[in-house]
N, C-alpha and C. Protein backbone atom coordinates (compact mmCIF):
# COMPACT_ATOMS: atom_id res chain seq x y z
N MET A 1 15.40 3.69 -1.24
CA MET A 1 14.27 4.28 -1.36
C MET A 1 15.30 5.14 -2.32
N SER A 2 14.88 5.33 -3.60
CA SER A 2 14.90 6.33 -4.78
C SER A 2 13.85 7.55 -5.03
N GLY A 3 14.61 8.61 -5.28
CA GLY A 3 13.74 9.64 -5.78
C GLY A 3 12.79 10.06 -4.24
N LEU A 4 12.04 11.18 -4.25
CA LEU A 4 10.98 12.01 -3.28
C LEU A 4 10.16 10.83 -2.42
N VAL A 5 10.41 10.77 -1.53
CA VAL A 5 9.76 10.27 -0.76
C VAL A 5 8.48 10.15 0.01
N ALA A 6 7.41 9.60 -0.41
CA ALA A 6 6.09 9.80 0.57
C ALA A 6 5.99 8.68 1.49
N LYS A 7 5.14 9.66 3.07
CA LYS A 7 5.15 9.15 4.42
C LYS A 7 4.42 8.99 4.78
N ALA A 8 3.32 8.02 5.46
CA ALA A 8 2.01 7.88 6.05
C ALA A 8 2.43 6.85 7.54
N SER A 9 1.80 7.41 8.10
CA SER A 9 1.38 6.44 9.24
C SER A 9 0.04 7.01 10.03
N THR A 10 -0.32 6.08 11.01
CA THR A 10 -1.50 5.96 12.13
C THR A 10 -1.39 4.52 12.89
N ALA A 11 -1.75 4.72 14.03
CA ALA A 11 -1.84 4.09 14.97
C ALA A 11 -3.17 3.10 14.71
N ILE A 12 -3.06 2.01 14.82
CA ILE A 12 -4.73 1.37 15.24
C ILE A 12 -4.71 0.77 16.54
N ALA A 13 -5.75 1.06 17.43
CA ALA A 13 -6.25 0.27 17.97
C ALA A 13 -6.37 -1.48 17.83
N ALA A 14 -5.37 -2.04 17.89
CA ALA A 14 -5.92 -3.67 17.12
C ALA A 14 -4.10 -4.23 17.38
N THR A 15 -4.06 -5.51 17.27
CA THR A 15 -2.86 -6.36 17.56
C THR A 15 -2.34 -6.51 16.11
N PRO A 16 -1.50 -5.95 16.30
CA PRO A 16 0.04 -6.70 14.82
C PRO A 16 -0.91 -8.01 13.96
N GLU A 17 -0.97 -8.64 14.39
CA GLU A 17 -1.79 -9.99 13.76
C GLU A 17 -3.27 -9.17 13.03
N ARG A 18 -4.21 -8.62 13.61
CA ARG A 18 -5.16 -7.75 13.14
C ARG A 18 -5.04 -7.11 12.16
N VAL A 19 -3.84 -6.18 12.29
CA VAL A 19 -3.54 -5.53 11.42
C VAL A 19 -3.58 -5.98 10.23
N TRP A 20 -2.37 -6.79 10.31
CA TRP A 20 -1.87 -7.80 8.97
C TRP A 20 -2.96 -8.51 8.55
N LYS A 21 -3.68 -8.81 9.01
CA LYS A 21 -4.57 -9.64 8.00
C LYS A 21 -5.46 -8.49 7.44
N ALA A 22 -6.06 -7.46 7.98
CA ALA A 22 -6.58 -6.58 6.95
C ALA A 22 -5.67 -5.68 6.04
N LEU A 23 -4.49 -6.11 6.36
CA LEU A 23 -3.21 -5.71 5.02
C LEU A 23 -3.36 -6.87 3.84
N THR A 24 -3.34 -7.86 4.04
CA THR A 24 -3.82 -9.04 3.29
C THR A 24 -4.19 -9.87 3.35
N ASP A 25 -5.66 -9.39 3.49
CA ASP A 25 -6.84 -10.35 2.97
C ASP A 25 -7.51 -9.34 1.68
N PRO A 26 -7.83 -9.98 0.57
CA PRO A 26 -8.43 -9.04 -0.49
C PRO A 26 -9.29 -8.75 -0.17
N ALA A 27 -10.58 -9.37 0.35
CA ALA A 27 -11.88 -8.81 0.77
C ALA A 27 -11.75 -7.27 1.72
N ALA A 28 -10.56 -7.64 2.85
CA ALA A 28 -10.43 -6.62 3.59
C ALA A 28 -10.52 -5.31 2.37
N ILE A 29 -9.14 -5.35 2.05
CA ILE A 29 -8.22 -4.11 1.06
C ILE A 29 -9.93 -3.65 0.24
N LYS A 30 -10.50 -4.52 -0.51
CA LYS A 30 -11.15 -3.77 -0.99
C LYS A 30 -12.40 -2.55 -0.26
N GLN A 31 -12.24 -3.03 0.84
CA GLN A 31 -13.54 -2.55 1.45
C GLN A 31 -12.19 -1.03 2.12
N TYR A 32 -11.18 -0.44 1.94
CA TYR A 32 -10.39 0.30 2.56
C TYR A 32 -9.81 0.85 1.40
N PHE A 33 -9.02 0.00 0.42
CA PHE A 33 -8.72 0.49 -0.48
C PHE A 33 -8.92 1.16 -1.64
N PHE A 34 -10.08 1.78 -1.57
CA PHE A 34 -10.63 2.55 -2.93
C PHE A 34 -11.09 1.33 -3.65
N GLY A 35 -11.74 0.47 -3.09
CA GLY A 35 -12.69 -0.69 -3.73
C GLY A 35 -11.82 -1.04 -4.72
N THR A 36 -10.29 -1.17 -4.68
CA THR A 36 -9.51 -2.55 -5.64
C THR A 36 -9.68 -3.56 -5.09
N ASN A 37 -9.67 -4.68 -6.24
CA ASN A 37 -9.33 -5.49 -6.21
C ASN A 37 -7.84 -6.34 -6.15
N VAL A 38 -7.72 -7.05 -5.18
CA VAL A 38 -5.75 -7.64 -5.21
C VAL A 38 -6.07 -8.99 -5.29
N GLU A 39 -4.78 -9.41 -6.47
CA GLU A 39 -4.65 -10.45 -6.33
C GLU A 39 -3.24 -10.65 -6.47
N THR A 40 -2.98 -11.70 -5.83
CA THR A 40 -1.51 -12.35 -5.43
C THR A 40 -1.74 -13.00 -4.52
N THR A 41 -0.73 -13.98 -4.60
CA THR A 41 0.12 -15.24 -3.46
C THR A 41 0.75 -14.96 -2.22
N TRP A 42 0.68 -13.21 -2.07
CA TRP A 42 2.36 -12.78 -0.93
C TRP A 42 2.74 -13.55 -0.77
N LYS A 43 3.86 -14.55 -2.26
CA LYS A 43 4.98 -14.92 -1.82
C LYS A 43 5.81 -14.33 -2.27
N VAL A 44 6.91 -13.81 -1.96
CA VAL A 44 8.21 -13.18 -2.34
C VAL A 44 8.48 -13.61 -3.74
N GLY A 45 8.45 -12.13 -4.47
CA GLY A 45 9.18 -12.64 -6.12
C GLY A 45 7.84 -12.81 -7.08
N ALA A 46 6.29 -12.91 -6.40
CA ALA A 46 5.33 -13.12 -6.81
C ALA A 46 4.73 -11.77 -7.46
N PRO A 47 3.47 -11.84 -8.68
CA PRO A 47 3.22 -10.62 -9.23
C PRO A 47 2.37 -10.27 -8.45
N ILE A 48 1.93 -8.47 -8.20
CA ILE A 48 0.54 -8.22 -7.42
C ILE A 48 -0.17 -7.44 -8.24
N THR A 49 -1.57 -7.62 -8.63
CA THR A 49 -2.28 -6.55 -9.18
C THR A 49 -3.26 -6.07 -8.63
N TRP A 50 -3.32 -4.44 -9.16
CA TRP A 50 -4.81 -4.05 -8.24
C TRP A 50 -5.34 -3.65 -9.73
N LYS A 51 -6.36 -4.08 -9.12
CA LYS A 51 -7.84 -3.76 -10.79
C LYS A 51 -9.25 -2.85 -10.17
N GLY A 52 -9.26 -1.98 -11.12
CA GLY A 52 -10.71 -1.42 -10.43
C GLY A 52 -11.09 0.16 -11.42
N GLU A 53 -11.35 1.10 -10.31
CA GLU A 53 -11.78 2.19 -11.31
C GLU A 53 -11.69 3.30 -9.96
N TRP A 54 -10.39 4.41 -11.08
CA TRP A 54 -10.05 5.54 -10.23
C TRP A 54 -10.44 6.77 -11.31
N GLU A 55 -11.26 7.54 -10.40
CA GLU A 55 -11.53 8.79 -10.80
C GLU A 55 -12.04 9.14 -12.37
N GLY A 56 -13.19 7.70 -12.41
CA GLY A 56 -13.83 7.25 -13.48
C GLY A 56 -13.07 6.80 -14.53
N ARG A 57 -12.14 6.47 -14.21
CA ARG A 57 -11.17 5.59 -15.16
C ARG A 57 -10.86 4.24 -14.65
N ALA A 58 -10.77 2.69 -15.70
CA ALA A 58 -10.48 1.52 -15.35
C ALA A 58 -8.66 2.02 -15.37
N TYR A 59 -8.38 0.96 -14.04
CA TYR A 59 -6.94 0.57 -14.40
C TYR A 59 -6.55 -0.83 -13.70
N ALA A 60 -5.39 -1.10 -14.57
CA ALA A 60 -4.85 -2.50 -14.03
C ALA A 60 -3.32 -1.93 -13.68
N ASP A 61 -3.32 -1.81 -12.10
CA ASP A 61 -1.54 -1.88 -11.72
C ASP A 61 -1.35 -3.30 -11.29
N LYS A 62 0.05 -3.12 -11.41
CA LYS A 62 0.99 -4.19 -10.96
C LYS A 62 2.54 -3.83 -10.62
N GLY A 63 2.65 -4.78 -9.99
CA GLY A 63 3.87 -4.57 -9.17
C GLY A 63 4.44 -6.26 -8.73
N THR A 64 5.42 -6.81 -7.77
CA THR A 64 6.30 -7.82 -7.69
C THR A 64 6.28 -7.90 -6.04
N ILE A 65 5.86 -8.86 -5.30
CA ILE A 65 6.27 -8.78 -3.61
C ILE A 65 7.52 -8.92 -3.52
N ARG A 66 8.22 -7.68 -2.34
CA ARG A 66 9.60 -8.03 -2.32
C ARG A 66 9.57 -8.55 -0.62
N THR A 67 8.78 -7.76 0.10
CA THR A 67 9.46 -8.52 1.66
C THR A 67 8.01 -9.26 1.87
N PHE A 68 7.57 -10.21 2.44
CA PHE A 68 6.57 -10.49 3.35
C PHE A 68 6.88 -11.28 4.45
N ASP A 69 6.87 -10.18 5.71
CA ASP A 69 7.26 -10.57 6.81
C ASP A 69 6.14 -10.40 8.01
N PRO A 70 5.61 -11.82 7.78
CA PRO A 70 4.21 -11.76 8.82
C PRO A 70 4.62 -11.33 10.27
N PRO A 71 4.35 -10.66 11.32
CA PRO A 71 3.69 -9.65 11.15
C PRO A 71 3.99 -8.13 11.10
N ARG A 72 5.01 -8.46 10.78
CA ARG A 72 6.10 -7.03 10.57
C ARG A 72 6.11 -5.85 9.21
N THR A 73 6.72 -6.87 8.63
CA THR A 73 7.17 -6.19 6.60
C THR A 73 6.02 -6.33 5.72
N LEU A 74 5.95 -5.65 4.83
CA LEU A 74 5.58 -6.06 3.86
C LEU A 74 5.89 -4.73 2.80
N SER A 75 6.21 -5.47 1.76
CA SER A 75 7.06 -4.76 0.71
C SER A 75 6.92 -4.99 -0.81
N TYR A 76 6.57 -4.32 -1.83
CA TYR A 76 6.30 -4.39 -3.45
C TYR A 76 6.34 -3.66 -4.01
N THR A 77 6.37 -3.52 -5.24
CA THR A 77 6.78 -2.96 -5.95
C THR A 77 5.12 -2.35 -6.68
N HIS A 78 5.29 -1.16 -7.41
CA HIS A 78 4.00 -1.05 -7.80
C HIS A 78 4.26 0.01 -9.16
N PHE A 79 3.43 -0.55 -10.36
CA PHE A 79 3.42 0.47 -11.44
C PHE A 79 1.71 0.73 -12.25
N SER A 80 2.09 1.56 -12.81
CA SER A 80 0.27 1.99 -12.92
C SER A 80 0.31 2.70 -14.53
N PRO A 81 -0.36 2.17 -15.46
CA PRO A 81 0.08 2.64 -16.41
C PRO A 81 -0.83 4.01 -16.35
N LEU A 82 -1.62 3.90 -15.70
CA LEU A 82 -2.39 5.59 -15.95
C LEU A 82 -1.34 6.85 -15.67
N ALA A 83 -0.29 6.33 -15.19
CA ALA A 83 0.39 7.38 -15.16
C ALA A 83 1.14 8.00 -16.64
N GLY A 84 1.25 7.11 -17.61
CA GLY A 84 1.57 7.47 -18.52
C GLY A 84 3.06 7.52 -19.36
N LYS A 85 4.16 6.79 -18.24
CA LYS A 85 4.60 6.68 -18.42
C LYS A 85 4.90 5.23 -18.70
N PRO A 86 6.54 4.79 -20.23
CA PRO A 86 6.79 3.36 -20.00
C PRO A 86 6.78 2.43 -18.98
N ASP A 87 6.31 1.25 -18.87
CA ASP A 87 6.75 0.18 -18.20
C ASP A 87 8.20 -0.25 -17.71
N THR A 88 8.88 0.59 -17.41
CA THR A 88 10.53 -0.10 -17.23
C THR A 88 10.68 0.41 -15.86
N PRO A 89 11.15 -0.64 -15.40
CA PRO A 89 11.79 -0.47 -13.71
C PRO A 89 12.34 1.14 -13.29
N GLU A 90 12.27 2.16 -14.23
CA GLU A 90 12.87 2.99 -13.38
C GLU A 90 11.41 4.15 -12.93
N ASN A 91 10.35 3.60 -13.77
CA ASN A 91 9.44 4.11 -13.80
C ASN A 91 7.85 3.19 -12.35
N TYR A 92 8.53 2.73 -11.83
CA TYR A 92 7.74 1.60 -10.99
C TYR A 92 8.25 2.25 -9.10
N HIS A 93 7.09 1.92 -8.10
CA HIS A 93 7.58 2.66 -6.75
C HIS A 93 7.97 1.05 -6.16
N THR A 94 8.54 1.46 -5.23
CA THR A 94 8.52 0.52 -4.12
C THR A 94 7.98 1.47 -2.51
N ILE A 95 6.53 0.46 -2.69
CA ILE A 95 6.28 1.25 -1.17
C ILE A 95 6.54 0.08 -0.24
N THR A 96 6.72 0.25 1.28
CA THR A 96 7.27 -0.57 2.00
C THR A 96 6.18 -0.51 2.94
N ILE A 97 5.61 -1.36 3.80
CA ILE A 97 4.65 -0.93 4.84
C ILE A 97 5.29 -1.34 6.48
N THR A 98 5.58 -0.93 7.57
CA THR A 98 6.04 -1.87 8.30
C THR A 98 4.65 -1.82 9.51
N ILE A 99 4.78 -2.34 10.21
CA ILE A 99 4.12 -2.82 11.80
C ILE A 99 4.58 -2.67 12.52
N ALA A 100 4.41 -2.27 13.91
CA ALA A 100 5.11 -2.07 14.86
C ALA A 100 3.96 -1.98 16.72
N PRO A 101 4.04 -2.92 17.41
CA PRO A 101 3.42 -2.50 19.21
C PRO A 101 3.59 -1.06 18.97
N ALA A 102 2.94 -0.54 19.95
CA ALA A 102 3.09 0.38 20.24
C ALA A 102 2.24 0.84 21.58
N GLY A 103 2.70 0.26 22.46
CA GLY A 103 1.82 0.01 23.45
C GLY A 103 0.57 -0.46 23.41
N LYS A 104 -1.00 -0.32 23.27
CA LYS A 104 -1.88 -0.64 23.43
C LYS A 104 -2.58 -0.86 21.74
N ASP A 105 -1.95 0.26 21.02
CA ASP A 105 -1.91 0.41 19.38
C ASP A 105 -0.83 -0.18 18.84
N THR A 106 -0.83 -0.54 17.67
CA THR A 106 -0.25 -0.74 16.68
C THR A 106 0.25 0.15 15.82
N ARG A 107 1.43 0.81 15.47
CA ARG A 107 2.00 1.86 14.68
C ARG A 107 1.93 0.76 12.92
N VAL A 108 1.22 1.43 12.41
CA VAL A 108 1.30 1.70 11.08
C VAL A 108 2.26 2.27 10.17
N SER A 109 3.35 2.09 9.11
CA SER A 109 4.06 2.94 8.73
C SER A 109 4.34 3.09 7.34
N LEU A 110 4.04 3.52 6.45
CA LEU A 110 4.34 3.19 4.96
C LEU A 110 5.49 4.62 4.25
N GLU A 111 6.13 3.88 3.42
CA GLU A 111 7.01 4.98 2.13
C GLU A 111 6.52 4.38 1.19
N GLN A 112 6.52 5.22 0.37
CA GLN A 112 6.32 5.46 -1.45
C GLN A 112 7.53 5.98 -1.66
N ASP A 113 8.83 5.27 -2.54
CA ASP A 113 10.12 5.79 -3.10
C ASP A 113 9.65 6.60 -4.94
N ASN A 114 10.61 7.03 -4.97
CA ASN A 114 10.89 7.47 -6.61
C ASN A 114 9.57 7.88 -6.90
N ASN A 115 9.16 8.94 -6.17
CA ASN A 115 8.05 10.09 -6.95
C ASN A 115 8.98 11.39 -6.94
N ALA A 116 9.23 11.79 -8.79
CA ALA A 116 9.89 12.32 -9.56
C ALA A 116 9.76 13.88 -9.42
N MET A 117 8.64 14.35 -8.52
CA MET A 117 8.36 15.64 -8.04
C MET A 117 7.90 15.88 -6.97
N GLU A 118 8.15 16.65 -6.25
CA GLU A 118 7.32 17.37 -5.12
C GLU A 118 5.79 17.04 -4.97
N ASP A 119 4.83 17.45 -5.82
CA ASP A 119 3.59 17.40 -6.13
C ASP A 119 3.77 16.04 -6.64
N ALA A 120 3.90 15.55 -6.71
CA ALA A 120 3.65 13.73 -7.02
C ALA A 120 3.78 13.00 -5.79
N ARG A 121 5.15 14.08 -4.96
CA ARG A 121 5.13 13.14 -3.59
C ARG A 121 4.29 13.46 -3.01
N ALA A 122 3.64 14.58 -3.04
CA ALA A 122 2.50 15.53 -1.66
C ALA A 122 1.47 14.63 -2.30
N HIS A 123 0.82 14.42 -3.60
CA HIS A 123 -0.16 13.17 -4.14
C HIS A 123 -0.42 12.05 -3.62
N SER A 124 1.01 10.87 -4.00
CA SER A 124 1.04 10.16 -3.25
C SER A 124 0.86 9.87 -1.66
N GLN A 125 0.87 11.47 -0.81
CA GLN A 125 1.18 10.67 0.93
C GLN A 125 -0.34 10.98 0.82
N LYS A 126 -1.10 12.32 0.09
CA LYS A 126 -2.22 12.40 0.38
C LYS A 126 -2.91 11.18 0.70
N ASN A 127 -2.97 10.33 -0.77
CA ASN A 127 -3.71 8.77 -0.96
C ASN A 127 -3.72 7.67 -0.34
N TRP A 128 -2.40 7.76 0.77
CA TRP A 128 -1.19 7.09 1.33
C TRP A 128 -2.38 7.26 3.25
N GLU A 129 -2.10 8.57 3.10
CA GLU A 129 -3.50 8.79 4.36
C GLU A 129 -4.36 8.89 4.23
N MET A 130 -5.14 8.80 3.26
CA MET A 130 -6.60 8.32 2.98
C MET A 130 -6.69 7.26 3.03
N VAL A 131 -5.81 5.60 2.41
CA VAL A 131 -5.57 4.38 2.90
C VAL A 131 -5.81 3.99 4.18
N LEU A 132 -5.02 4.77 4.83
CA LEU A 132 -3.80 3.97 6.19
C LEU A 132 -5.42 4.80 7.21
N ALA A 133 -5.84 5.59 6.61
CA ALA A 133 -6.99 6.28 7.52
C ALA A 133 -8.02 5.26 7.16
N GLY A 134 -8.07 4.85 6.17
CA GLY A 134 -9.56 3.52 5.30
C GLY A 134 -8.94 2.39 6.42
N LEU A 135 -7.43 1.91 6.25
CA LEU A 135 -7.63 0.84 7.14
C LEU A 135 -7.88 1.33 8.05
N LYS A 136 -7.53 2.03 9.56
CA LYS A 136 -7.80 2.85 10.29
C LYS A 136 -9.33 1.66 11.42
N ARG A 137 -10.30 2.60 10.11
CA ARG A 137 -11.12 2.21 10.61
C ARG A 137 -12.17 1.16 9.80
N TYR A 138 -11.50 0.42 9.47
CA TYR A 138 -12.11 -0.94 9.02
C TYR A 138 -11.82 -1.83 10.44
N VAL A 139 -10.17 -1.79 10.80
CA VAL A 139 -9.75 -2.76 11.74
C VAL A 139 -10.44 -2.29 13.15
N GLU A 140 -10.85 -0.74 13.80
CA GLU A 140 -11.78 -1.03 14.60
C GLU A 140 -12.94 -0.84 14.23
N GLU A 141 -13.31 -1.12 13.09
CA GLU A 141 -14.56 -0.88 13.00
C GLU A 141 -15.36 -2.91 13.16
N SER A 142 -14.10 -3.38 12.78
CA SER A 142 -14.80 -4.76 12.75
C SER A 142 -14.78 -6.08 13.64
């Protein structure tokens, strides 16, 4: 992990397998992840794209699957042209999501690296907290 790291976590009243399915099913992701459309094969080294609209602006973000270890670890790189930076390796984040049993619940922990400044880290952390809250609602209510 490089730069400042945004962190978020939650406990979900479901099995790790149910949580994993929600993390990797594009139809589920669209329900809790700001309406984004995700495309990938979930193979390590494969591209992943997110498309949709954020704060009134269309976006097409991209990255690469780094780890796919069901139902424990998912990681991928992420680049957003909306950030206004060049599409170069130093402008990508790595997002790592870990899943672990926690009694009757499943603990989901997320880290996003390479936040250049504290306000960027705090903004990312707030967004990830919203995503994980949406994931929790989605899994527990479905």
